[in-house]
C-alpha atoms as a PDB file:
ATOM      1  CA  MET A   1      -9.866 -16.483  -5.400  1.00  0.00           C
ATOM      2  CA  THR A   2      -6.016 -16.033  -5.117  1.00  0.00           C
ATOM      3  CA  ALA A   3      -4.830 -13.700  -3.133  1.00  0.00           C
ATOM      4  CA  VAL A   4      -2.416 -11.782  -5.227  1.00  0.00           C
ATOM      5  CA  LEU A   5      -0.115 -11.742  -2.430  1.00  0.00           C
ATOM      6  CA  GLU A   6      -0.229 -14.249   0.663  1.00  0.00           C
ATOM      7  CA  THR A   7       1.733 -13.887   3.812  1.00  0.00           C
ATOM      8  CA  MET A   8       2.569 -16.474   6.938  1.00  0.00           C
ATOM      9  CA  GLY A   9       3.974 -15.325   9.697  1.00  0.00           C
ATOM     10  CA  LEU A  10       6.995 -13.532   7.215  1.00  0.00           C
ATOM     11  CA  GLY A  11       9.767 -11.996   8.750  1.00  0.00           C
ATOM     12  CA  LYS A  12      13.105 -10.060   7.196  1.00  0.00           C
ATOM     13  CA  GLN A  13      16.399  -9.457   9.475  1.00  0.00           C
ATOM     14  CA  TYR A  14      19.164  -6.912   8.554  1.00  0.00           C
ATOM     15  CA  GLY A  15      22.187  -8.318  11.401  1.00  0.00           C
ATOM     16  CA  ARG A  16      20.537  -7.915  14.955  1.00  0.00           C
ATOM     17  CA  ARG A  17      16.873  -5.430  13.157  1.00  0.00           C
ATOM     18  CA  TRP A  18      14.069  -6.785  11.704  1.00  0.00           C
ATOM     19  CA  ALA A  19      12.725  -5.043   9.101  1.00  0.00           C
ATOM     20  CA  LEU A  20       9.713  -6.275   9.227  1.00  0.00           C
ATOM     21  CA  HIS A  21       8.870  -8.950  12.112  1.00  0.00           C
ATOM     22  CA  ASP A  22       5.737 -12.334  12.543  1.00  0.00           C
ATOM     23  CA  CYS A  23       3.629 -10.299   9.031  1.00  0.00           C
ATOM     24  CA  THR A  24       0.535 -12.848   8.048  1.00  0.00           C
ATOM     25  CA  LEU A  25      -1.250 -11.384   5.332  1.00  0.00           C
ATOM     26  CA  SER A  26      -4.017 -11.913   2.690  1.00  0.00           C
ATOM     27  CA  ILE A  27      -4.737  -9.563   0.465  1.00  0.00           C
ATOM     28  CA  PRO A  28      -7.897 -10.805  -2.408  1.00  0.00           C
ATOM     29  CA  ALA A  29      -7.616  -9.989  -6.172  1.00  0.00           C
ATOM     30  CA  GLY A  30      -9.056  -7.089  -7.814  1.00  0.00           C
ATOM     31  CA  ASN A  31      -8.112  -4.733  -5.572  1.00  0.00           C
ATOM     32  CA  VAL A  32      -6.066  -1.296  -5.319  1.00  0.00           C
ATOM     33  CA  VAL A  33      -4.342  -1.398  -2.208  1.00  0.00           C
ATOM     34  CA  GLY A  34      -2.306   0.874   0.045  1.00  0.00           C
ATOM     35  CA  LEU A  35       0.451  -0.381   2.019  1.00  0.00           C
ATOM     36  CA  VAL A  36       0.933   3.241   4.372  1.00  0.00           C
ATOM     37  CA  GLY A  37       3.599   3.106   7.762  1.00  0.00           C
ATOM     38  CA  PRO A  38       6.287   5.885   8.534  1.00  0.00           C
ATOM     39  CA  ASN A  39       9.234   5.494   7.359  1.00  0.00           C
ATOM     40  CA  GLY A  40      11.370   2.653   8.597  1.00  0.00           C
ATOM     41  CA  ALA A  41       7.844   0.024   8.484  1.00  0.00           C
ATOM     42  CA  GLY A  42       9.135  -2.066   6.282  1.00  0.00           C
ATOM     43  CA  LYS A  43       7.409  -0.888   3.216  1.00  0.00           C
ATOM     44  CA  THR A  44       9.292  -1.402   0.319  1.00  0.00           C
ATOM     45  CA  THR A  45      10.798  -4.294   2.308  1.00  0.00           C
ATOM     46  CA  MET A  46       7.765  -5.993   1.549  1.00  0.00           C
ATOM     47  CA  LEU A  47       7.206  -5.007  -1.887  1.00  0.00           C
ATOM     48  CA  GLN A  48      10.693  -5.695  -2.724  1.00  0.00           C
ATOM     49  CA  LEU A  49      10.521  -9.808  -1.236  1.00  0.00           C
ATOM     50  CA  ALA A  50       7.767 -10.155  -3.504  1.00  0.00           C
ATOM     51  CA  VAL A  51       9.349  -9.703  -6.422  1.00  0.00           C
ATOM     52  CA  GLY A  52      12.409 -11.736  -4.778  1.00  0.00           C
ATOM     53  CA  LEU A  53      14.307  -8.790  -4.836  1.00  0.00           C
ATOM     54  CA  LEU A  54      15.028 -11.114  -1.346  1.00  0.00           C
ATOM     55  CA  ALA A  55      14.456 -13.695   0.406  1.00  0.00           C
ATOM     56  CA  PRO A  56      12.580 -13.921   3.715  1.00  0.00           C
ATOM     57  CA  THR A  57      13.553 -14.659   7.327  1.00  0.00           C
ATOM     58  CA  THR A  58      11.388 -16.251   8.441  1.00  0.00           C
ATOM     59  CA  GLY A  59       7.985 -17.180   7.282  1.00  0.00           C
ATOM     60  CA  SER A  60       6.730 -17.476   3.382  1.00  0.00           C
ATOM     61  CA  ILE A  61       5.124 -15.265   0.723  1.00  0.00           C
ATOM     62  CA  ALA A  62       3.643 -15.861  -2.463  1.00  0.00           C
ATOM     63  CA  VAL A  63       2.539 -13.662  -5.113  1.00  0.00           C
ATOM     64  CA  LEU A  64      -0.423 -14.862  -7.464  1.00  0.00           C
ATOM     65  CA  GLY A  65      -0.204 -18.118  -4.955  1.00  0.00           C
ATOM     66  CA  ASP A  66       3.745 -19.257  -6.367  1.00  0.00           C
ATOM     67  CA  ALA A  67       6.839 -18.015  -4.885  1.00  0.00           C
ATOM     68  CA  PRO A  68       7.670 -14.951  -5.528  1.00  0.00           C
ATOM     69  CA  ALA A  69      10.281 -14.740  -8.827  1.00  0.00           C
ATOM     70  CA  SER A  70      10.414 -18.728  -8.725  1.00  0.00           C
ATOM     71  CA  SER A  71       9.995 -18.768 -12.678  1.00  0.00           C
ATOM     72  CA  PRO A  72       9.358 -16.767 -16.044  1.00  0.00           C
ATOM     73  CA  ALA A  73       6.138 -16.539 -16.049  1.00  0.00           C
ATOM     74  CA  GLN A  74       5.354 -15.420 -12.170  1.00  0.00           C
ATOM     75  CA  LEU A  75       8.183 -12.986 -13.086  1.00  0.00           C
ATOM     76  CA  GLY A  76       6.207 -12.109 -16.318  1.00  0.00           C
ATOM     77  CA  LYS A  77       2.427 -12.001 -14.482  1.00  0.00           C
ATOM     78  CA  VAL A  78       3.710  -8.971 -11.825  1.00  0.00           C
ATOM     79  CA  GLY A  79       4.786  -5.331 -12.390  1.00  0.00           C
ATOM     80  CA  PHE A  80       7.137  -3.045 -10.181  1.00  0.00           C
ATOM     81  CA  VAL A  81       7.830  -0.148 -10.259  1.00  0.00           C
ATOM     82  CA  ALA A  82      10.752   0.943  -7.760  1.00  0.00           C
ATOM     83  CA  GLN A  83      11.057   3.889  -5.229  1.00  0.00           C
ATOM     84  CA  ASP A  84      12.901   6.121  -7.876  1.00  0.00           C
ATOM     85  CA  THR A  85      11.525   4.786 -11.111  1.00  0.00           C
ATOM     86  CA  PRO A  86      14.615   3.821 -12.266  1.00  0.00           C
ATOM     87  CA  ALA A  87      15.782   4.859 -15.916  1.00  0.00           C
ATOM     88  CA  TYR A  88      18.777   4.418 -18.292  1.00  0.00           C
ATOM     89  CA  ALA A  89      19.508   7.958 -18.033  1.00  0.00           C
ATOM     90  CA  ARG A  90      21.382   7.645 -22.156  1.00  0.00           C
ATOM     91  CA  LEU A  91      19.105   5.129 -23.177  1.00  0.00           C
ATOM     92  CA  SER A  92      16.214   7.147 -25.351  1.00  0.00           C
ATOM     93  CA  ILE A  93      12.080   5.936 -24.611  1.00  0.00           C
ATOM     94  CA  ALA A  94      11.848   4.070 -27.749  1.00  0.00           C
ATOM     95  CA  GLN A  95      14.893   2.405 -26.380  1.00  0.00           C
ATOM     96  CA  HIS A  96      13.548   1.024 -22.769  1.00  0.00           C
ATOM     97  CA  LEU A  97      10.461  -0.250 -25.150  1.00  0.00           C
ATOM     98  CA  HIS A  98      12.389  -2.052 -26.757  1.00  0.00           C
ATOM     99  CA  MET A  99      14.298  -3.399 -24.198  1.00  0.00           C
ATOM    100  CA  GLY A 100      10.681  -4.281 -22.469  1.00  0.00           C
ATOM    101  CA  SER A 101       9.412  -6.234 -25.439  1.00  0.00           C
ATOM    102  CA  TRP A 102      12.708  -7.999 -25.875  1.00  0.00           C
ATOM    103  CA  LEU A 103      12.686  -9.170 -21.781  1.00  0.00           C
ATOM    104  CA  ASN A 104       9.141  -9.992 -21.591  1.00  0.00           C
ATOM    105  CA  PRO A 105       7.189 -12.264 -23.826  1.00  0.00           C
ATOM    106  CA  ASP A 106       3.942 -10.987 -23.191  1.00  0.00           C
ATOM    107  CA  TRP A 107       4.853  -7.798 -24.287  1.00  0.00           C
ATOM    108  CA  ASP A 108       2.090  -5.786 -25.523  1.00  0.00           C
ATOM    109  CA  ASP A 109       4.012  -2.509 -27.598  1.00  0.00           C
ATOM    110  CA  GLU A 110       0.294  -0.665 -28.733  1.00  0.00           C
ATOM    111  CA  VAL A 111      -0.101  -0.153 -25.346  1.00  0.00           C
ATOM    112  CA  ALA A 112       3.526   1.245 -24.901  1.00  0.00           C
ATOM    113  CA  THR A 113       3.369   2.998 -28.256  1.00  0.00           C
ATOM    114  CA  GLN A 114       0.016   4.412 -27.005  1.00  0.00           C
ATOM    115  CA  ARG A 115       0.771   5.228 -23.785  1.00  0.00           C
ATOM    116  CA  ILE A 116       4.061   7.696 -24.860  1.00  0.00           C
ATOM    117  CA  ASP A 117       1.738   9.273 -27.473  1.00  0.00           C
ATOM    118  CA  GLN A 118      -1.003  10.027 -25.115  1.00  0.00           C
ATOM    119  CA  LEU A 119       1.649  11.538 -22.931  1.00  0.00           C
ATOM    120  CA  GLY A 120       3.539  13.566 -25.400  1.00  0.00           C
ATOM    121  CA  LEU A 121       6.518  11.997 -25.184  1.00  0.00           C
ATOM    122  CA  ASP A 122       8.997  12.358 -27.206  1.00  0.00           C
ATOM    123  CA  PRO A 123       9.898   8.543 -27.938  1.00  0.00           C
ATOM    124  CA  LYS A 124      13.468   9.631 -28.684  1.00  0.00           C
ATOM    125  CA  GLN A 125      14.088  11.999 -26.346  1.00  0.00           C
ATOM    126  CA  ARG A 126      16.995  10.276 -23.782  1.00  0.00           C
ATOM    127  CA  ALA A 127      15.474   9.242 -19.731  1.00  0.00           C
ATOM    128  CA  GLY A 128      17.922  11.005 -18.280  1.00  0.00           C
ATOM    129  CA  SER A 129      16.309  14.549 -19.687  1.00  0.00           C
ATOM    130  CA  LEU A 130      12.113  13.434 -18.429  1.00  0.00           C
ATOM    131  CA  SER A 131      11.638  15.480 -15.800  1.00  0.00           C
ATOM    132  CA  GLY A 132      10.699  12.788 -11.953  1.00  0.00           C
ATOM    133  CA  GLY A 133       7.014  12.674 -13.300  1.00  0.00           C
ATOM    134  CA  GLN A 134       7.873  11.508 -17.027  1.00  0.00           C
ATOM    135  CA  ARG A 135      10.112   9.234 -15.739  1.00  0.00           C
ATOM    136  CA  ALA A 136       7.605   8.177 -13.708  1.00  0.00           C
ATOM    137  CA  GLN A 137       5.527   7.971 -15.929  1.00  0.00           C
ATOM    138  CA  LEU A 138       7.831   5.879 -18.086  1.00  0.00           C
ATOM    139  CA  ALA A 139       8.620   3.601 -15.570  1.00  0.00           C
ATOM    140  CA  LEU A 140       4.910   2.767 -15.303  1.00  0.00           C
ATOM    141  CA  THR A 141       4.459   1.595 -19.071  1.00  0.00           C
ATOM    142  CA  LEU A 142       7.518  -0.034 -18.904  1.00  0.00           C
ATOM    143  CA  ALA A 143       5.517  -1.761 -15.292  1.00  0.00           C
ATOM    144  CA  ILE A 144       2.187  -2.117 -17.507  1.00  0.00           C
ATOM    145  CA  ALA A 145       3.232  -2.731 -20.177  1.00  0.00           C
ATOM    146  CA  LYS A 146       4.374  -6.527 -20.077  1.00  0.00           C
ATOM    147  CA  ARG A 147       0.272  -6.895 -18.873  1.00  0.00           C
ATOM    148  CA  PRO A 148       0.511  -8.115 -15.371  1.00  0.00           C
ATOM    149  CA  GLU A 149      -1.755  -9.380 -13.118  1.00  0.00           C
ATOM    150  CA  LEU A 150      -0.514  -7.472 -10.085  1.00  0.00           C
ATOM    151  CA  LEU A 151       1.311  -4.424 -10.083  1.00  0.00           C
ATOM    152  CA  LEU A 152       3.415  -2.989  -7.425  1.00  0.00           C
ATOM    153  CA  LEU A 153       4.313   0.071  -7.219  1.00  0.00           C
ATOM    154  CA  ASP A 154       6.636   1.027  -3.907  1.00  0.00           C
ATOM    155  CA  GLU A 155       6.181   5.333  -3.708  1.00  0.00           C
ATOM    156  CA  PRO A 156       6.742   6.353  -6.548  1.00  0.00           C
ATOM    157  CA  VAL A 157       4.917   9.276  -6.450  1.00  0.00           C
ATOM    158  CA  ALA A 158       6.717  10.534  -3.221  1.00  0.00           C
ATOM    159  CA  SER A 159       9.573  12.801  -4.556  1.00  0.00           C
ATOM    160  CA  LEU A 160       7.033  14.628  -7.357  1.00  0.00           C
ATOM    161  CA  ASP A 161       5.265  18.259  -7.157  1.00  0.00           C
ATOM    162  CA  PRO A 162       1.541  18.043  -6.241  1.00  0.00           C
ATOM    163  CA  LEU A 163       0.056  18.394 -10.043  1.00  0.00           C
ATOM    164  CA  ALA A 164       3.243  15.638 -11.350  1.00  0.00           C
ATOM    165  CA  ARG A 165       1.424  13.090  -9.220  1.00  0.00           C
ATOM    166  CA  ARG A 166      -2.317  13.598  -9.723  1.00  0.00           C
ATOM    167  CA  GLU A 167      -1.209  12.813 -13.117  1.00  0.00           C
ATOM    168  CA  PHE A 168       0.542  10.056 -12.128  1.00  0.00           C
ATOM    169  CA  LEU A 169      -2.712   8.643  -9.949  1.00  0.00           C
ATOM    170  CA  GLN A 170      -5.099   9.138 -12.804  1.00  0.00           C
ATOM    171  CA  SER A 171      -2.628   7.466 -15.308  1.00  0.00           C
ATOM    172  CA  LEU A 172      -2.477   4.858 -12.668  1.00  0.00           C
ATOM    173  CA  MET A 173      -6.676   4.509 -12.664  1.00  0.00           C
ATOM    174  CA  GLU A 174      -7.304   4.725 -15.992  1.00  0.00           C
ATOM    175  CA  VAL A 175      -4.605   0.829 -16.140  1.00  0.00           C
ATOM    176  CA  VAL A 176      -6.807   0.004 -13.236  1.00  0.00           C
ATOM    177  CA  ALA A 177      -9.814  -0.327 -15.046  1.00  0.00           C
ATOM    178  CA  GLU A 178      -8.678  -1.066 -18.468  1.00  0.00           C
ATOM    179  CA  HIS A 179      -6.630  -4.158 -17.762  1.00  0.00           C
ATOM    180  CA  GLY A 180      -8.059  -4.469 -14.300  1.00  0.00           C
ATOM    181  CA  VAL A 181      -4.566  -4.460 -12.861  1.00  0.00           C
ATOM    182  CA  SER A 182      -4.709  -5.767  -8.797  1.00  0.00           C
ATOM    183  CA  VAL A 183      -2.475  -2.703  -7.512  1.00  0.00           C
ATOM    184  CA  VAL A 184      -0.526  -2.466  -4.485  1.00  0.00           C
ATOM    185  CA  LEU A 185       1.094   1.006  -3.964  1.00  0.00           C
ATOM    186  CA  SER A 186       3.389   2.177  -1.416  1.00  0.00           C
ATOM    187  CA  SER A 187       3.347   5.519   0.316  1.00  0.00           C
ATOM    188  CA  HIS A 188       3.279   7.836   2.894  1.00  0.00           C
ATOM    189  CA  LEU A 189       0.877   9.957   1.175  1.00  0.00           C
ATOM    190  CA  VAL A 190      -2.037   9.427   3.208  1.00  0.00           C
ATOM    191  CA  SER A 191      -3.622  11.718   0.646  1.00  0.00           C
ATOM    192  CA  ASP A 192      -3.231   9.947  -2.409  1.00  0.00           C
ATOM    193  CA  LEU A 193      -3.580   7.384  -1.289  1.00  0.00           C
ATOM    194  CA  GLU A 194      -7.246   7.989   0.021  1.00  0.00           C
ATOM    195  CA  ARG A 195      -8.435   9.259  -3.733  1.00  0.00           C
ATOM    196  CA  VAL A 196      -7.314   5.652  -5.687  1.00  0.00           C
ATOM    197  CA  CYS A 197      -7.064   3.249  -2.790  1.00  0.00           C
ATOM    198  CA  ASP A 198     -10.316   0.037  -1.653  1.00  0.00           C
ATOM    199  CA  TYR A 199      -7.984  -1.628   0.219  1.00  0.00           C
ATOM    200  CA  LEU A 200      -5.503  -0.901   3.117  1.00  0.00           C
ATOM    201  CA  VAL A 201      -2.417  -2.145   5.014  1.00  0.00           C
ATOM    202  CA  VAL A 202      -0.483  -0.444   7.426  1.00  0.00           C
ATOM    203  CA  LEU A 203       2.488  -1.826   8.857  1.00  0.00           C
ATOM    204  CA  VAL A 204       4.270  -0.150  11.583  1.00  0.00           C
ATOM    205  CA  ASP A 205       7.246  -0.541  13.534  1.00  0.00           C
ATOM    206  CA  SER A 206       7.573  -3.581  11.154  1.00  0.00           C
ATOM    207  CA  HIS A 207       4.590  -5.427  12.015  1.00  0.00           C
ATOM    208  CA  VAL A 208       0.742  -5.168  10.011  1.00  0.00           C
ATOM    209  CA  ARG A 209      -1.414  -2.941  12.398  1.00  0.00           C
ATOM    210  CA  VAL A 210      -4.342  -3.375  10.821  1.00  0.00           C
ATOM    211  CA  ALA A 211      -5.482  -4.364   6.733  1.00  0.00           C
ATOM    212  CA  GLY A 212      -9.220  -4.784   5.362  1.00  0.00           C
ATOM    213  CA  GLU A 213     -10.878  -3.245   2.654  1.00  0.00           C
ATOM    214  CA  VAL A 214     -11.483   0.353   2.976  1.00  0.00           C
ATOM    215  CA  SER A 215     -15.312   0.516   4.048  1.00  0.00           C
ATOM    216  CA  GLU A 216     -15.193  -1.656   5.618  1.00  0.00           C
ATOM    217  CA  LEU A 217     -12.584  -0.255   8.073  1.00  0.00           C
ATOM    218  CA  LEU A 218     -14.234   2.883   8.591  1.00  0.00           C
ATOM    219  CA  ALA A 219     -17.480   1.587   9.297  1.00  0.00           C
ATOM    220  CA  SER A 220     -16.550  -0.234  12.707  1.00  0.00           C
ATOM    221  CA  HIS A 221     -15.042   2.950  13.640  1.00  0.00           C
ATOM    222  CA  HIS A 222     -16.250   5.740  15.617  1.00  0.00           C
ATOM    223  CA  ARG A 223     -15.287   8.584  17.789  1.00  0.00           C
ATOM    224  CA  LEU A 224     -17.267   8.921  20.077  1.00  0.00           C
ATOM    225  CA  SER A 225     -16.780  11.708  22.983  1.00  0.00           C
ATOM    226  CA  GLY A 226     -18.185  12.240  26.511  1.00  0.00           C
ATOM    227  CA  LEU A 227     -18.387  12.880  30.248  1.00  0.00           C
ATOM    228  CA  ARG A 228     -14.409  12.132  31.327  1.00  0.00           C
ATOM    229  CA  ARG A 229     -14.548   8.055  31.550  1.00  0.00           C
ATOM    230  CA  ASN A 230     -12.230   5.654  31.715  1.00  0.00           C
ATOM    231  CA  PRO A 231     -11.855   3.220  28.900  1.00  0.00           C
ATOM    232  CA  SER A 232     -11.739  -0.444  30.539  1.00  0.00           C
ATOM    233  CA  THR A 233     -15.150   0.452  31.631  1.00  0.00           C
ATOM    234  CA  LEU A 234     -15.958   0.148  28.049  1.00  0.00           C
ATOM    235  CA  PRO A 235     -17.253  -2.932  26.642  1.00  0.00           C
ATOM    236  CA  ALA A 236     -15.700  -5.781  26.008  1.00  0.00           C
ATOM    237  CA  ASN A 237     -16.582  -5.718  21.957  1.00  0.00           C
ATOM    238  CA  GLN A 238     -15.307  -1.773  22.181  1.00  0.00           C
ATOM    239  CA  GLU A 239     -11.762  -2.174  21.876  1.00  0.00           C
ATOM    240  CA  VAL A 240      -9.884   1.607  22.105  1.00  0.00           C
ATOM    241  CA  ILE A 241      -7.396   2.682  19.194  1.00  0.00           C
ATOM    242  CA  GLU A 242      -6.409   5.957  20.693  1.00  0.00           C
ATOM    243  CA  GLN A 243      -7.622   7.921  23.313  1.00  0.00           C
ATOM    244  CA  SER A 244      -7.515  11.290  24.605  1.00  0.00           C
ATOM    245  CA  HIS A 245      -8.987  13.036  28.139  1.00  0.00           C
ATOM    246  CA  THR A 246      -9.509  16.694  29.206  1.00  0.00           C
ATOM    247  CA  ASP A 247     -10.211  16.780  33.176  1.00  0.00           C
ATOM    248  CA  LYS A 248     -13.902  16.971  31.817  1.00  0.00           C
ATOM    249  CA  GLN A 249     -14.132  15.138  28.542  1.00  0.00           C
ATOM    250  CA  SER A 250     -12.883  12.551  26.582  1.00  0.00           C
ATOM    251  CA  THR A 251     -13.011  11.724  23.600  1.00  0.00           C
ATOM    252  CA  LEU A 252     -11.637   7.531  22.166  1.00  0.00           C
ATOM    253  CA  LEU A 253     -11.509   6.092  18.086  1.00  0.00           C
ATOM    254  CA  VAL A 254     -12.921   3.061  18.562  1.00  0.00           C
ATOM    255  CA  ARG A 255     -13.165  -0.586  16.384  1.00  0.00           C
ATOM    256  CA  THR A 256     -16.515  -2.524  17.206  1.00  0.00           C
ATOM    257  CA  GLU A 257     -18.821  -4.379  14.823  1.00  0.00           C
ATOM    258  CA  GLU A 258     -21.804  -3.751  17.266  1.00  0.00           C
ATOM    259  CA  PRO A 259     -23.856  -0.519  17.125  1.00  0.00           C
ATOM    260  CA  ILE A 260     -22.613   1.560  19.904  1.00  0.00           C
ATOM    261  CA  LEU A 261     -26.010   2.071  22.564  1.00  0.00           C
ATOM    262  CA  ASP A 262     -24.566   4.284  25.030  1.00  0.00           C
ATOM    263  CA  PRO A 263     -26.404   7.748  25.080  1.00  0.00           C
ATOM    264  CA  ASN A 264     -23.687   9.407  27.220  1.00  0.00           C
ATOM    265  CA  TRP A 265     -21.543   9.206  24.087  1.00  0.00           C
ATOM    266  CA  THR A 266     -21.841  11.311  21.429  1.00  0.00           C
ATOM    267  CA  VAL A 267     -20.964   9.230  18.364  1.00  0.00           C
ATOM    268  CA  THR A 268     -18.656  10.624  14.831  1.00  0.00           C
ATOM    269  CA  PRO A 269     -18.207   8.708  11.464  1.00  0.00           C
ATOM    270  CA  ILE A 270     -14.460   8.502  11.511  1.00  0.00           C
ATOM    271  CA  THR A 271     -11.533   9.900   8.033  1.00  0.00           C
ATOM    272  CA  PHE A 272      -9.226   7.850   5.810  1.00  0.00           C
ATOM    273  CA  GLU A 273      -7.096  10.057   7.211  1.00  0.00           C
ATOM    274  CA  ASP A 274      -7.946  10.004  10.858  1.00  0.00           C
ATOM    275  CA  LEU A 275      -7.776   5.899  10.542  1.00  0.00           C
ATOM    276  CA  VAL A 276      -4.281   5.481   9.666  1.00  0.00           C
ATOM    277  CA  LEU A 277      -3.034   7.946  11.650  1.00  0.00           C
ATOM    278  CA  ALA A 278      -4.917   6.537  14.670  1.00  0.00           C
ATOM    279  CA  TYR A 279      -3.275   3.129  14.487  1.00  0.00           C
ATOM    280  CA  MET A 280       0.392   5.075  13.510  1.00  0.00           C
ATOM    281  CA  SER A 281      -0.528   6.240  17.435  1.00  0.00           C
ATOM    282  CA  GLN A 282      -1.432   3.127  18.420  1.00  0.00           C
ATOM    283  CA  ALA A 283       1.564   1.369  17.184  1.00  0.00           C
ATOM    284  CA  ARG A 284       4.106   3.573  19.362  1.00  0.00           C
ATOM    285  CA  ASP A 285       2.300   4.257  22.842  1.00  0.00           C
ATOM    286  CA  THR A 286       4.222   1.995  24.506  1.00  0.00           C
ATOM    287  CA  LYS A 287       1.716   2.019  27.607  1.00  0.00           C
ATOM    288  CA  HIS A 288      -1.265   1.452  24.986  1.00  0.00           C
ATOM    289  CA  LEU A 289      -4.117  -0.171  26.859  1.00  0.00           C
ATOM    290  CA  GLY A 290      -2.534  -3.660  25.841  1.00  0.00           C
ATOM    291  CA  ARG A 291      -5.798  -5.474  24.661  1.00  0.00           C
ATOM    292  CA  PRO A 292      -5.553  -8.040  22.088  1.00  0.00           C
ATOM    293  CA  ALA A 293      -6.844  -5.579  18.639  1.00  0.00           C
ATOM    294  CA  LEU A 294      -9.915  -7.182  16.997  1.00  0.00           C
ATOM    295  CA  GLY A 295      -9.562  -8.464  13.963  1.00  0.00           C
ATOM    296  CA  VAL A 296      -5.467  -7.155  13.536  1.00  0.00           C
ATOM    297  CA  VAL A 297      -3.146  -9.460  11.626  1.00  0.00           C
ATOM    298  CA  SER A 298       0.501  -9.398  13.097  1.00  0.00           C
END
């Protein structure tokens, strides 16, 4: 099956600063992907490269098997909601839908009008008078009514209140269930991603730190606690992602595909948030153990 988003050695440089560097990644179709990382990690750059708003400095990127924005047909397969959920303030909702139908040959007017009706929005209302949540819903409507195969969302709920965020994410999952669209959702709000995502990509310091199915990542990461121990004494197949120590005790977060048989450890599962924060912490620690990450692409 063709990957919905595939990069090879991808990099984007601004002056002396790399917004993305040496990123190799392959995201399979049929997933809701959480693209997570701290501010400045490269999330927006990745999505703008994927829709053709930017060109790579190094490496390559393919979306649905083709170069981004390589043809009208390719553009029609990708829906994009930018971080500020842009809309034309002086245009009404109905005018936005009319513009969408004019710009997109596969536009589904029934989907668009039904969504606006379900949201309780007045088609005559100008976009400039909408709340942040309503504007985000309008942007999502415009993106899905073009009937894309892939939906790219760049922190669309970052500025919304908790209720508006929940309503937006519920709408998103309804779209996924009804239309079978693949989604890449960028956010630094881990709790929101945990609710909707089944695939995870962590970007930190312009690199991909870890990527994979959420269920598989959680199954292969464990928290170990026990008497203080030097992590270098662990078996080679146990990669230490995060560690903390007191005078008498060590607590480690490790990644391994093998069972942990050492009876001296108390082994507990980790949460989605544990996983994300551990890789962020690992990436920022310049004195990290230095062993190569198991299955991590960078």
